[in-house]
Protein backbone atom coordinates (compact mmCIF):
# COMPACT_ATOMS: atom_id res chain seq x y z
CA UNK A 1 -11.36 10.05 -26.13
CA UNK A 2 -10.74 6.11 -25.89
CA UNK A 3 -8.29 5.07 -22.79
CA UNK A 4 -7.31 1.67 -22.71
CA UNK A 5 -6.88 1.10 -18.91
CA UNK A 6 -3.99 -1.64 -19.87
CA UNK A 7 -1.59 1.32 -21.00
CA UNK A 8 -2.06 2.97 -17.92
CA UNK A 9 -0.54 2.73 -14.54
CA UNK A 10 -2.19 1.66 -11.74
CA UNK A 11 -2.17 5.61 -10.26
CA UNK A 12 -2.86 7.02 -13.55
CA UNK A 13 -6.15 4.50 -13.16
CA UNK A 14 -6.93 5.51 -9.61
CA UNK A 15 -6.89 9.29 -10.96
CA UNK A 16 -9.19 8.49 -13.82
CA UNK A 17 -11.47 6.25 -11.26
CA UNK A 18 -12.19 8.71 -8.47
CA UNK A 19 -12.47 11.61 -10.94
CA UNK A 20 -15.19 10.03 -13.13
CA UNK A 21 -17.16 7.72 -10.32
CA UNK A 22 -18.66 10.81 -8.68
CA UNK A 23 -19.93 11.59 -6.10
CA UNK A 24 -19.32 9.05 -3.87
CA UNK A 25 -20.50 8.08 -0.31
CA UNK A 26 -17.75 8.22 2.79
CA UNK A 27 -17.52 5.44 5.27
CA UNK A 28 -16.22 7.26 8.07
CA UNK A 29 -14.65 4.12 9.93
CA UNK A 30 -14.01 3.85 13.75
CA UNK A 31 -12.01 0.88 15.21
CA UNK A 32 -10.34 0.11 18.13
CA UNK A 33 -6.58 -0.73 18.44
CA UNK A 34 -5.32 -3.41 20.51
CA UNK A 35 -4.57 -0.95 23.65
CA UNK A 36 -8.05 0.65 23.39
CA UNK A 37 -7.27 3.88 21.50
CA UNK A 38 -9.52 4.61 18.34
CA UNK A 39 -8.83 4.93 14.92
CA UNK A 40 -10.76 6.92 12.51
CA UNK A 41 -10.30 7.23 8.75
CA UNK A 42 -12.71 7.90 5.67
CA UNK A 43 -12.83 5.54 2.58
CA UNK A 44 -14.74 6.48 -0.33
CA UNK A 45 -14.53 3.00 -2.35
CA UNK A 46 -17.82 2.52 -0.30
CA UNK A 47 -21.45 1.13 -0.62
CA UNK A 48 -24.50 -1.09 0.42
CA UNK A 49 -24.82 -4.18 -1.43
CA UNK A 50 -27.29 -6.38 0.38
CA UNK A 51 -30.39 -5.80 2.61
CA UNK A 52 -30.52 -9.50 3.31
CA UNK A 53 -28.16 -9.83 5.27
CA UNK A 54 -27.71 -6.23 5.80
CA UNK A 55 -24.14 -5.58 4.47
CA UNK A 56 -22.13 -2.97 3.56
CA UNK A 57 -19.00 -3.37 1.39
CA UNK A 58 -15.79 -0.89 1.87
CA UNK A 59 -12.15 -1.02 -0.55
CA UNK A 60 -9.31 -0.95 1.74
CA UNK A 61 -6.18 -0.46 0.18
CA UNK A 62 -2.61 -0.29 1.74
CA UNK A 63 -0.52 2.67 3.09
CA UNK A 64 2.14 4.39 0.85
CA UNK A 65 4.69 2.13 2.61
CA UNK A 66 2.95 -0.83 1.36
CA UNK A 67 1.93 -2.15 4.93
CA UNK A 68 -1.58 -2.85 6.55
CA UNK A 69 -3.87 0.33 6.93
CA UNK A 70 -4.69 0.69 11.04
CA UNK A 71 -8.57 0.29 10.25
CA UNK A 72 -7.96 -3.10 8.46
CA UNK A 73 -5.44 -4.41 10.72
CA UNK A 74 -8.31 -3.44 13.67
CA UNK A 75 -10.78 -4.75 11.98
CA UNK A 76 -9.28 -8.16 11.41
CA UNK A 77 -8.32 -8.60 14.97
CA UNK A 78 -11.41 -7.39 16.56
CA UNK A 79 -14.40 -8.31 14.25
CA UNK A 80 -15.94 -4.77 14.89
CA UNK A 81 -16.23 -1.64 13.39
CA UNK A 82 -18.28 1.59 12.98
CA UNK A 83 -19.29 3.31 9.72
CA UNK A 84 -20.36 6.71 10.21
CA UNK A 85 -21.71 9.07 7.77
CA UNK A 86 -20.74 12.57 8.09
CA UNK A 87 -22.76 15.56 6.97
CA UNK A 88 -21.17 18.14 5.00
CA UNK A 89 -20.37 20.56 8.26
CA UNK A 90 -17.90 17.77 9.22
CA UNK A 91 -15.70 18.24 6.10
CA UNK A 92 -12.92 19.30 7.89
CA UNK A 93 -12.72 16.94 10.82
CA UNK A 94 -13.27 14.02 8.26
CA UNK A 95 -10.75 15.30 5.94
CA UNK A 96 -8.00 15.56 8.91
CA UNK A 97 -8.82 12.03 9.88
CA UNK A 98 -7.38 11.32 6.53
CA UNK A 99 -3.85 11.93 7.84
CA UNK A 100 -0.79 9.50 8.05
CA UNK A 101 -0.46 9.43 11.93
CA UNK A 102 1.95 7.21 13.73
CA UNK A 103 0.70 3.74 14.56
CA UNK A 104 -1.40 3.86 17.74
CA UNK A 105 -1.99 7.80 17.32
CA UNK A 106 -5.90 8.23 17.74
CA UNK A 107 -7.41 10.85 14.89
CA UNK A 108 -10.68 11.43 17.68
CA UNK A 109 -7.95 12.69 20.02
CA UNK A 110 -5.77 14.32 17.79
CA UNK A 111 -8.34 16.07 15.89
CA UNK A 112 -10.78 16.76 18.92
CA UNK A 113 -13.28 14.72 17.12
CA UNK A 114 -16.02 13.64 19.86
CA UNK A 115 -17.22 10.12 20.42
CA UNK A 116 -20.43 8.98 21.93
CA UNK A 117 -20.28 5.34 23.50
CA UNK A 118 -22.98 3.22 22.17
CA UNK A 119 -24.97 1.02 24.95
CA UNK A 120 -23.91 -2.88 24.35
CA UNK A 121 -21.30 -2.34 21.53
CA UNK A 122 -17.85 -2.47 22.16
CA UNK A 123 -17.25 0.99 20.15
CA UNK A 124 -18.38 4.51 20.25
CA UNK A 125 -19.70 6.42 17.56
CA UNK A 126 -18.90 9.77 15.88
CA UNK A 127 -20.87 12.15 18.20
CA UNK A 128 -22.12 14.60 15.43
CA UNK A 129 -22.52 12.11 12.62
CA UNK A 130 -26.46 11.77 11.68
CA UNK A 131 -26.11 8.00 10.97
CA UNK A 132 -23.71 5.35 12.13
CA UNK A 133 -24.14 1.62 11.24
CA UNK A 134 -22.59 -0.67 13.84
CA UNK A 135 -21.06 -3.54 12.04
CA UNK A 136 -19.32 -7.07 12.45
CA UNK A 137 -16.82 -8.30 9.75
CA UNK A 138 -18.31 -10.75 7.40
CA UNK A 139 -15.63 -12.00 4.67
CA UNK A 140 -13.45 -10.16 2.28
CA UNK A 141 -12.01 -10.57 -1.43
CA UNK A 142 -8.50 -9.45 -2.02
CA UNK A 143 -8.18 -8.06 -5.55
CA UNK A 144 -4.69 -7.17 -7.24
CA UNK A 145 -1.03 -7.32 -6.15
CA UNK A 146 -1.41 -4.65 -3.45
CA UNK A 147 -3.56 -6.19 -2.58
CA UNK A 148 -6.88 -4.12 -2.17
CA UNK A 149 -9.26 -5.70 0.65
CA UNK A 150 -12.79 -5.58 -0.53
CA UNK A 151 -14.54 -6.16 3.14
CA UNK A 152 -18.12 -6.85 3.26
CA UNK A 153 -19.50 -5.64 6.79
CA UNK A 154 -22.55 -6.90 8.55
CA UNK A 155 -24.57 -4.15 9.93
CA UNK A 156 -25.89 -5.20 13.54
CA UNK A 157 -27.33 -2.03 14.28
CA UNK A 158 -28.26 1.43 13.13
CA UNK A 159 -27.86 4.85 14.73
CA UNK A 160 -30.19 7.85 13.13
CA UNK A 161 -30.44 11.05 14.72
CA UNK A 162 -33.91 11.98 15.18
CA UNK A 163 -33.36 15.18 13.88
CA UNK A 164 -33.13 14.00 10.19
CA UNK A 165 -35.82 11.28 10.12
CA UNK A 166 -39.80 11.29 10.83
CA UNK A 167 -42.45 8.38 10.63
CA UNK A 168 -44.26 8.65 7.31
CA UNK A 169 -47.18 6.51 7.19
CA UNK A 170 -45.56 3.98 9.36
CA UNK A 171 -42.39 3.82 7.78
CA UNK A 172 -39.17 5.67 8.69
CA UNK A 173 -38.07 8.10 6.46
CA UNK A 174 -34.87 10.17 6.34
CA UNK A 175 -34.57 13.43 4.89
CA UNK A 176 -31.72 13.58 2.33
CA UNK A 177 -31.80 17.64 2.63
CA UNK A 178 -31.31 17.39 6.78
CA UNK A 179 -28.65 14.55 6.39
CA UNK A 180 -26.78 16.36 3.92
CA UNK A 181 -24.23 13.55 3.51
CA UNK A 182 -20.66 14.57 2.46
CA UNK A 183 -19.59 13.14 -0.57
CA UNK A 184 -15.97 12.85 -2.40
CA UNK A 185 -15.17 13.60 -5.74
CA UNK A 186 -11.61 13.50 -7.18
CA UNK A 187 -8.57 15.09 -5.88
CA UNK A 188 -9.38 17.19 -2.58
CA UNK A 189 -12.56 18.06 -3.84
CA UNK A 190 -15.76 16.89 -1.87
CA UNK A 191 -19.22 17.88 -2.08
CA UNK A 192 -22.48 18.64 -0.25
CA UNK A 193 -25.84 16.85 -1.45
CA UNK A 194 -26.80 19.71 -3.68
CA UNK A 195 -30.00 19.65 -5.98
CA UNK A 196 -32.75 17.18 -5.16
CA UNK A 197 -34.63 15.78 -8.05
CA UNK A 198 -37.85 13.79 -7.88
CA UNK A 199 -39.44 11.35 -10.07
CA UNK A 200 -41.94 8.73 -9.61
CA UNK A 201 -40.63 5.53 -10.92
CA UNK A 202 -42.70 4.53 -13.70
CA UNK A 203 -45.03 1.05 -13.64
């Protein structure tokens, strides 16, 4: 089957992408509204792209009405966010936080998602998330007519739950099975880590 993307609508292209580029990691992004309320939303067009400087990238589209998403608006205004990595047990909370709420209504309050303050940082993290990146806005590239905002986030600090990490020969190592990160598939589907396959890298 050979599909010409130029013959497809943007919606059709989107569905082909999200059903084939799987599993995708999820950035569960926490930002602050102007009044101090917290916004929390998941994004699966997300990846690490650089270690020097340590940088994550997330692609943020528009609301269905064509207005800016709260996460993007808050991030541009304040310059700060926390990128939480949920584990599979948090699938329901994360999925609920993707709901479209009225402007200024907090997902953390609406769906009882506890947060934990971070010392010397303007934002809390999701308390139950085993990993969180404390980030500042770095730069962005806008794509398409939407536009789609491809946002680069520089990592200032990182939280790791001690239960998923250990010192191995002087190197901090995260156990992927204990971390069990939640992943996004197509449609309404999510996935847990599943089977792990180990292959030493050839010389």
